[in-house]
Amino acid sequence: MKPFFQMALAGASILVAGMAQADTFAEIKINAGHELFNKECRRCHADDSDHESYGPPLENVIGRAAGSIEDYDYSVALEASGIVWTPAALRAWMEDNDGFMPGTKMRHVGIDDRTVQDFILAYLASITTRDGSAISE
């Protein structure tokens, strides 16, 4: 085999290995996010609409308008906010929901570790099935 083709094949195998590693890291983040969701969020929020919860379910939360789950009794502040749950808005909410949205009914959680936030956001993204490509940070 000519040296150019050997180098091209080697480069392609490195690229494939890198993609597999990226997939592994993404899966690890999602799994860690699921565990952290269960520890920090699940006591009040289900991750799908098939399970009852005190707060609104968080399935498909990314890209959803705040206060938009039908038949949930939101605070006036949240219902009238006009915000969309982008990753940045969810991060701000996780860190200080009272400061982000004064007048909300949710008690303060205070997840201020950005790595924990990243993992929970990765999990929430994994359970968001609608196309959110039009949503900006």
N, C-alpha and C. Protein backbone atom coordinates (compact mmCIF):
# COMPACT_ATOMS: atom_id res chain seq x y z
N MET A 1 0.84 -1.16 0.00
CA MET A 1 0.00 0.00 0.00
C MET A 1 0.90 1.23 0.00
N LYS A 2 0.49 2.24 -0.73
CA LYS A 2 1.28 3.46 -0.81
C LYS A 2 1.18 4.21 0.50
N PRO A 3 2.25 4.95 0.88
CA PRO A 3 2.27 5.67 2.16
C PRO A 3 1.09 6.63 2.35
N PHE A 4 0.66 7.30 1.30
CA PHE A 4 -0.46 8.24 1.42
C PHE A 4 -1.72 7.52 1.89
N PHE A 5 -2.01 6.37 1.30
CA PHE A 5 -3.20 5.63 1.66
C PHE A 5 -3.10 5.06 3.08
N GLN A 6 -1.89 4.66 3.47
CA GLN A 6 -1.70 4.18 4.84
C GLN A 6 -1.99 5.30 5.84
N MET A 7 -1.49 6.50 5.53
CA MET A 7 -1.74 7.64 6.41
C MET A 7 -3.22 7.99 6.43
N ALA A 8 -3.89 7.93 5.29
CA ALA A 8 -5.32 8.24 5.23
C ALA A 8 -6.12 7.23 6.05
N LEU A 9 -5.75 5.94 5.92
CA LEU A 9 -6.45 4.92 6.70
C LEU A 9 -6.20 5.10 8.20
N ALA A 10 -4.99 5.43 8.57
CA ALA A 10 -4.67 5.67 9.97
C ALA A 10 -5.45 6.87 10.49
N GLY A 11 -5.53 7.91 9.71
CA GLY A 11 -6.29 9.11 10.10
C GLY A 11 -7.77 8.80 10.26
N ALA A 12 -8.31 7.99 9.34
CA ALA A 12 -9.72 7.62 9.43
C ALA A 12 -10.00 6.79 10.67
N SER A 13 -9.10 5.88 11.01
CA SER A 13 -9.33 5.06 12.20
C SER A 13 -9.22 5.89 13.48
N ILE A 14 -8.35 6.89 13.49
CA ILE A 14 -8.25 7.79 14.64
C ILE A 14 -9.54 8.59 14.76
N LEU A 15 -10.08 9.06 13.63
CA LEU A 15 -11.32 9.82 13.63
C LEU A 15 -12.48 8.97 14.16
N VAL A 16 -12.57 7.72 13.70
CA VAL A 16 -13.63 6.82 14.17
C VAL A 16 -13.47 6.56 15.67
N ALA A 17 -12.24 6.34 16.12
CA ALA A 17 -12.01 6.12 17.55
C ALA A 17 -12.39 7.35 18.35
N GLY A 18 -12.06 8.52 17.84
CA GLY A 18 -12.43 9.77 18.52
C GLY A 18 -13.93 9.95 18.60
N MET A 19 -14.64 9.58 17.51
CA MET A 19 -16.10 9.69 17.52
C MET A 19 -16.70 8.72 18.53
N ALA A 20 -16.16 7.51 18.61
CA ALA A 20 -16.65 6.53 19.57
C ALA A 20 -16.41 7.02 21.00
N GLN A 21 -15.23 7.64 21.21
CA GLN A 21 -14.93 8.17 22.53
C GLN A 21 -15.89 9.31 22.89
N ALA A 22 -16.20 10.18 21.92
CA ALA A 22 -17.15 11.27 22.15
C ALA A 22 -18.52 10.72 22.49
N ASP A 23 -18.94 9.66 21.78
CA ASP A 23 -20.23 9.03 22.09
C ASP A 23 -20.23 8.45 23.50
N THR A 24 -19.11 7.85 23.90
CA THR A 24 -18.99 7.28 25.24
C THR A 24 -19.08 8.38 26.28
N PHE A 25 -18.38 9.49 26.06
CA PHE A 25 -18.44 10.61 27.01
C PHE A 25 -19.86 11.17 27.10
N ALA A 26 -20.53 11.32 25.96
CA ALA A 26 -21.91 11.83 25.97
C ALA A 26 -22.82 10.89 26.75
N GLU A 27 -22.64 9.59 26.56
CA GLU A 27 -23.44 8.61 27.28
C GLU A 27 -23.17 8.67 28.78
N ILE A 28 -21.91 8.85 29.15
CA ILE A 28 -21.55 8.96 30.56
C ILE A 28 -22.20 10.21 31.16
N LYS A 29 -22.16 11.33 30.44
CA LYS A 29 -22.77 12.57 30.94
C LYS A 29 -24.28 12.39 31.12
N ILE A 30 -24.92 11.75 30.16
CA ILE A 30 -26.37 11.53 30.25
C ILE A 30 -26.70 10.63 31.44
N ASN A 31 -25.94 9.55 31.60
CA ASN A 31 -26.19 8.63 32.72
C ASN A 31 -25.96 9.32 34.06
N ALA A 32 -24.88 10.10 34.15
CA ALA A 32 -24.62 10.85 35.39
C ALA A 32 -25.73 11.87 35.61
N GLY A 33 -26.17 12.52 34.54
CA GLY A 33 -27.26 13.49 34.64
C GLY A 33 -28.55 12.85 35.12
N HIS A 34 -28.81 11.63 34.67
CA HIS A 34 -30.00 10.90 35.11
C HIS A 34 -29.92 10.63 36.62
N GLU A 35 -28.76 10.19 37.08
CA GLU A 35 -28.58 9.93 38.51
C GLU A 35 -28.74 11.22 39.32
N LEU A 36 -28.15 12.31 38.83
CA LEU A 36 -28.25 13.59 39.53
C LEU A 36 -29.68 14.13 39.48
N PHE A 37 -30.37 13.94 38.34
CA PHE A 37 -31.77 14.32 38.24
C PHE A 37 -32.58 13.59 39.31
N ASN A 38 -32.35 12.28 39.43
CA ASN A 38 -33.08 11.49 40.42
C ASN A 38 -32.79 11.98 41.84
N LYS A 39 -31.56 12.42 42.08
CA LYS A 39 -31.18 12.89 43.42
C LYS A 39 -31.70 14.30 43.69
N GLU A 40 -31.63 15.18 42.72
CA GLU A 40 -31.92 16.60 42.94
C GLU A 40 -33.31 17.04 42.49
N CYS A 41 -33.88 16.40 41.49
CA CYS A 41 -35.09 16.92 40.85
C CYS A 41 -36.30 15.99 40.97
N ARG A 42 -36.05 14.70 41.03
CA ARG A 42 -37.13 13.72 40.92
C ARG A 42 -38.12 13.77 42.08
N ARG A 43 -37.70 14.23 43.22
CA ARG A 43 -38.66 14.28 44.35
C ARG A 43 -39.86 15.14 44.01
N CYS A 44 -39.70 16.08 43.05
CA CYS A 44 -40.82 16.95 42.66
C CYS A 44 -41.21 16.82 41.18
N HIS A 45 -40.28 16.43 40.32
CA HIS A 45 -40.54 16.39 38.88
C HIS A 45 -40.34 14.99 38.31
N ALA A 46 -41.32 14.54 37.53
CA ALA A 46 -41.15 13.30 36.76
C ALA A 46 -40.37 13.65 35.50
N ASP A 47 -39.72 12.66 34.93
CA ASP A 47 -39.01 12.92 33.68
C ASP A 47 -39.84 12.50 32.47
N ASP A 48 -41.09 12.11 32.70
CA ASP A 48 -42.02 11.86 31.60
C ASP A 48 -43.44 12.09 32.09
N SER A 49 -44.34 12.23 31.16
CA SER A 49 -45.73 12.55 31.52
C SER A 49 -46.52 11.31 31.97
N ASP A 50 -45.91 10.14 31.91
CA ASP A 50 -46.58 8.92 32.36
C ASP A 50 -46.57 8.75 33.87
N HIS A 51 -45.72 9.51 34.55
CA HIS A 51 -45.60 9.39 36.01
C HIS A 51 -46.07 10.67 36.68
N GLU A 52 -46.77 10.51 37.77
CA GLU A 52 -47.26 11.68 38.50
C GLU A 52 -46.10 12.34 39.24
N SER A 53 -46.24 13.65 39.41
CA SER A 53 -45.25 14.39 40.18
C SER A 53 -45.88 15.66 40.70
N TYR A 54 -45.26 16.21 41.72
CA TYR A 54 -45.74 17.44 42.32
C TYR A 54 -45.59 18.60 41.33
N GLY A 55 -44.43 18.70 40.72
CA GLY A 55 -44.17 19.74 39.72
C GLY A 55 -44.46 19.22 38.33
N PRO A 56 -44.38 20.09 37.33
CA PRO A 56 -44.64 19.63 35.96
C PRO A 56 -43.56 18.66 35.49
N PRO A 57 -43.92 17.73 34.60
CA PRO A 57 -42.91 16.79 34.08
C PRO A 57 -41.88 17.54 33.23
N LEU A 58 -40.67 17.02 33.21
CA LEU A 58 -39.59 17.71 32.50
C LEU A 58 -39.22 17.07 31.17
N GLU A 59 -39.96 16.07 30.75
CA GLU A 59 -39.78 15.53 29.41
C GLU A 59 -40.07 16.66 28.41
N ASN A 60 -39.23 16.80 27.42
CA ASN A 60 -39.38 17.85 26.39
C ASN A 60 -39.34 19.26 26.96
N VAL A 61 -38.63 19.46 28.06
CA VAL A 61 -38.59 20.79 28.66
C VAL A 61 -37.76 21.77 27.83
N ILE A 62 -36.68 21.29 27.22
CA ILE A 62 -35.84 22.21 26.45
C ILE A 62 -36.61 22.66 25.21
N GLY A 63 -36.77 23.97 25.12
CA GLY A 63 -37.52 24.55 24.01
C GLY A 63 -38.99 24.79 24.31
N ARG A 64 -39.41 24.39 25.49
CA ARG A 64 -40.81 24.56 25.87
C ARG A 64 -41.00 25.93 26.53
N ALA A 65 -42.15 26.54 26.27
CA ALA A 65 -42.47 27.80 26.93
C ALA A 65 -42.71 27.53 28.42
N ALA A 66 -42.19 28.40 29.26
CA ALA A 66 -42.40 28.26 30.70
C ALA A 66 -43.89 28.41 31.00
N GLY A 67 -44.37 27.60 31.92
CA GLY A 67 -45.77 27.69 32.34
C GLY A 67 -46.76 27.17 31.32
N SER A 68 -46.34 26.22 30.49
CA SER A 68 -47.21 25.81 29.39
C SER A 68 -47.79 24.40 29.49
N ILE A 69 -47.49 23.66 30.54
CA ILE A 69 -48.09 22.32 30.69
C ILE A 69 -49.54 22.52 31.11
N GLU A 70 -50.42 22.00 30.31
CA GLU A 70 -51.85 22.13 30.57
C GLU A 70 -52.22 21.46 31.89
N ASP A 71 -53.14 22.06 32.60
CA ASP A 71 -53.67 21.55 33.86
C ASP A 71 -52.67 21.58 35.02
N TYR A 72 -51.54 22.28 34.87
CA TYR A 72 -50.65 22.46 36.01
C TYR A 72 -50.86 23.88 36.54
N ASP A 73 -50.96 24.02 37.83
CA ASP A 73 -51.23 25.30 38.48
C ASP A 73 -49.92 26.06 38.73
N TYR A 74 -49.44 26.76 37.70
CA TYR A 74 -48.20 27.53 37.80
C TYR A 74 -48.44 28.82 38.58
N SER A 75 -47.36 29.40 39.07
CA SER A 75 -47.43 30.74 39.66
C SER A 75 -47.71 31.73 38.54
N VAL A 76 -48.31 32.85 38.91
CA VAL A 76 -48.57 33.91 37.93
C VAL A 76 -47.25 34.38 37.33
N ALA A 77 -46.22 34.49 38.17
CA ALA A 77 -44.91 34.96 37.69
C ALA A 77 -44.37 34.08 36.57
N LEU A 78 -44.43 32.79 36.75
CA LEU A 78 -43.89 31.87 35.74
C LEU A 78 -44.77 31.84 34.50
N GLU A 79 -46.06 31.77 34.70
CA GLU A 79 -46.99 31.71 33.58
C GLU A 79 -46.89 32.95 32.69
N ALA A 80 -46.67 34.10 33.30
CA ALA A 80 -46.62 35.36 32.55
C ALA A 80 -45.21 35.74 32.11
N SER A 81 -44.23 34.89 32.39
CA SER A 81 -42.83 35.26 32.15
C SER A 81 -42.47 35.40 30.67
N GLY A 82 -43.09 34.60 29.82
CA GLY A 82 -42.76 34.63 28.40
C GLY A 82 -41.43 33.99 28.05
N ILE A 83 -40.78 33.34 29.00
CA ILE A 83 -39.49 32.72 28.70
C ILE A 83 -39.68 31.33 28.09
N VAL A 84 -38.65 30.91 27.40
CA VAL A 84 -38.57 29.57 26.84
C VAL A 84 -37.43 28.88 27.58
N TRP A 85 -37.62 27.61 27.89
CA TRP A 85 -36.61 26.87 28.63
C TRP A 85 -35.45 26.48 27.72
N THR A 86 -34.51 27.37 27.58
CA THR A 86 -33.25 27.09 26.88
C THR A 86 -32.29 26.48 27.91
N PRO A 87 -31.20 25.89 27.47
CA PRO A 87 -30.22 25.41 28.46
C PRO A 87 -29.73 26.53 29.39
N ALA A 88 -29.54 27.74 28.87
CA ALA A 88 -29.09 28.85 29.72
C ALA A 88 -30.15 29.21 30.76
N ALA A 89 -31.42 29.24 30.36
CA ALA A 89 -32.49 29.55 31.30
C ALA A 89 -32.62 28.45 32.36
N LEU A 90 -32.52 27.20 31.93
CA LEU A 90 -32.58 26.09 32.89
C LEU A 90 -31.41 26.14 33.86
N ARG A 91 -30.23 26.49 33.38
CA ARG A 91 -29.05 26.60 34.25
C ARG A 91 -29.30 27.68 35.31
N ALA A 92 -29.80 28.85 34.87
CA ALA A 92 -30.08 29.95 35.80
C ALA A 92 -31.14 29.52 36.81
N TRP A 93 -32.14 28.79 36.35
CA TRP A 93 -33.21 28.30 37.23
C TRP A 93 -32.65 27.33 38.26
N MET A 94 -31.81 26.38 37.81
CA MET A 94 -31.23 25.41 38.74
C MET A 94 -30.39 26.11 39.80
N GLU A 95 -29.66 27.12 39.39
CA GLU A 95 -28.75 27.79 40.32
C GLU A 95 -29.50 28.63 41.35
N ASP A 96 -30.50 29.39 40.91
CA ASP A 96 -31.20 30.28 41.83
C ASP A 96 -32.57 30.63 41.26
N ASN A 97 -33.51 29.70 41.37
CA ASN A 97 -34.82 29.92 40.77
C ASN A 97 -35.53 31.13 41.38
N ASP A 98 -35.34 31.38 42.67
CA ASP A 98 -35.96 32.55 43.29
C ASP A 98 -35.41 33.85 42.72
N GLY A 99 -34.12 33.90 42.50
CA GLY A 99 -33.51 35.09 41.92
C GLY A 99 -33.83 35.23 40.44
N PHE A 100 -33.92 34.11 39.74
CA PHE A 100 -34.21 34.11 38.31
C PHE A 100 -35.67 34.48 38.05
N MET A 101 -36.56 33.99 38.90
CA MET A 101 -38.00 34.20 38.70
C MET A 101 -38.66 34.50 40.05
N PRO A 102 -38.54 35.74 40.52
CA PRO A 102 -39.20 36.08 41.78
C PRO A 102 -40.71 35.81 41.69
N GLY A 103 -41.27 35.25 42.74
CA GLY A 103 -42.70 34.96 42.77
C GLY A 103 -43.05 33.55 42.34
N THR A 104 -42.04 32.73 42.05
CA THR A 104 -42.32 31.35 41.67
C THR A 104 -42.79 30.55 42.88
N LYS A 105 -43.53 29.49 42.63
CA LYS A 105 -43.99 28.61 43.70
C LYS A 105 -42.94 27.59 44.11
N MET A 106 -41.99 27.33 43.24
CA MET A 106 -41.00 26.30 43.53
C MET A 106 -40.05 26.78 44.62
N ARG A 107 -39.81 25.90 45.58
CA ARG A 107 -38.85 26.26 46.62
C ARG A 107 -37.44 26.22 46.03
N HIS A 108 -36.57 26.99 46.60
CA HIS A 108 -35.21 27.12 46.05
C HIS A 108 -34.44 25.81 46.15
N VAL A 109 -33.80 25.45 45.05
CA VAL A 109 -33.01 24.23 45.00
C VAL A 109 -31.54 24.56 45.15
N GLY A 110 -31.02 25.46 44.36
CA GLY A 110 -29.65 25.92 44.48
C GLY A 110 -28.59 24.93 44.05
N ILE A 111 -28.67 24.46 42.82
CA ILE A 111 -27.61 23.61 42.26
C ILE A 111 -26.62 24.56 41.59
N ASP A 112 -25.57 24.92 42.32
CA ASP A 112 -24.65 25.91 41.78
C ASP A 112 -23.37 25.31 41.19
N ASP A 113 -23.20 24.01 41.28
CA ASP A 113 -22.06 23.35 40.67
C ASP A 113 -22.31 23.22 39.17
N ARG A 114 -21.51 23.91 38.36
CA ARG A 114 -21.73 23.94 36.91
C ARG A 114 -21.58 22.55 36.27
N THR A 115 -20.76 21.71 36.83
CA THR A 115 -20.62 20.35 36.29
C THR A 115 -21.90 19.56 36.52
N VAL A 116 -22.46 19.67 37.71
CA VAL A 116 -23.73 19.00 37.99
C VAL A 116 -24.81 19.55 37.07
N GLN A 117 -24.84 20.87 36.89
CA GLN A 117 -25.80 21.47 35.97
C GLN A 117 -25.61 20.90 34.56
N ASP A 118 -24.34 20.81 34.11
CA ASP A 118 -24.06 20.27 32.77
C ASP A 118 -24.62 18.87 32.61
N PHE A 119 -24.41 18.03 33.62
CA PHE A 119 -24.88 16.65 33.54
C PHE A 119 -26.41 16.60 33.51
N ILE A 120 -27.05 17.37 34.36
CA ILE A 120 -28.52 17.39 34.37
C ILE A 120 -29.04 17.92 33.03
N LEU A 121 -28.41 18.95 32.51
CA LEU A 121 -28.81 19.48 31.19
C LEU A 121 -28.62 18.44 30.09
N ALA A 122 -27.54 17.67 30.16
CA ALA A 122 -27.32 16.60 29.16
C ALA A 122 -28.45 15.58 29.25
N TYR A 123 -28.86 15.23 30.47
CA TYR A 123 -29.97 14.29 30.63
C TYR A 123 -31.27 14.89 30.11
N LEU A 124 -31.56 16.14 30.48
CA LEU A 124 -32.79 16.78 30.00
C LEU A 124 -32.80 16.87 28.47
N ALA A 125 -31.65 17.13 27.87
CA ALA A 125 -31.57 17.16 26.40
C ALA A 125 -31.87 15.77 25.83
N SER A 126 -31.44 14.73 26.54
CA SER A 126 -31.66 13.36 26.04
C SER A 126 -33.13 12.95 26.11
N ILE A 127 -33.92 13.61 26.96
CA ILE A 127 -35.34 13.29 27.06
C ILE A 127 -36.20 14.36 26.38
N THR A 128 -35.55 15.20 25.60
CA THR A 128 -36.25 16.18 24.78
C THR A 128 -36.23 15.64 23.36
N THR A 129 -37.40 15.28 22.86
CA THR A 129 -37.47 14.60 21.57
C THR A 129 -37.83 15.53 20.42
N ARG A 130 -38.29 16.74 20.72
CA ARG A 130 -38.62 17.64 19.62
C ARG A 130 -37.36 18.33 19.13
N ASP A 131 -37.38 18.81 17.91
CA ASP A 131 -36.23 19.51 17.33
C ASP A 131 -36.12 20.88 17.97
N GLY A 132 -35.00 21.12 18.62
CA GLY A 132 -34.78 22.41 19.27
C GLY A 132 -33.74 23.24 18.57
N SER A 133 -33.46 22.95 17.31
CA SER A 133 -32.39 23.66 16.61
C SER A 133 -32.64 25.15 16.45
N ALA A 134 -33.88 25.58 16.51
CA ALA A 134 -34.18 27.00 16.37
C ALA A 134 -34.02 27.77 17.67
N ILE A 135 -33.70 27.06 18.75
CA ILE A 135 -33.60 27.69 20.06
C ILE A 135 -32.16 28.12 20.28
N SER A 136 -31.98 29.35 20.72
CA SER A 136 -30.63 29.83 20.99
C SER A 136 -30.39 29.84 22.48
N GLU A 137 -29.15 29.89 22.84
CA GLU A 137 -28.76 29.98 24.25
C GLU A 137 -29.20 31.33 24.74
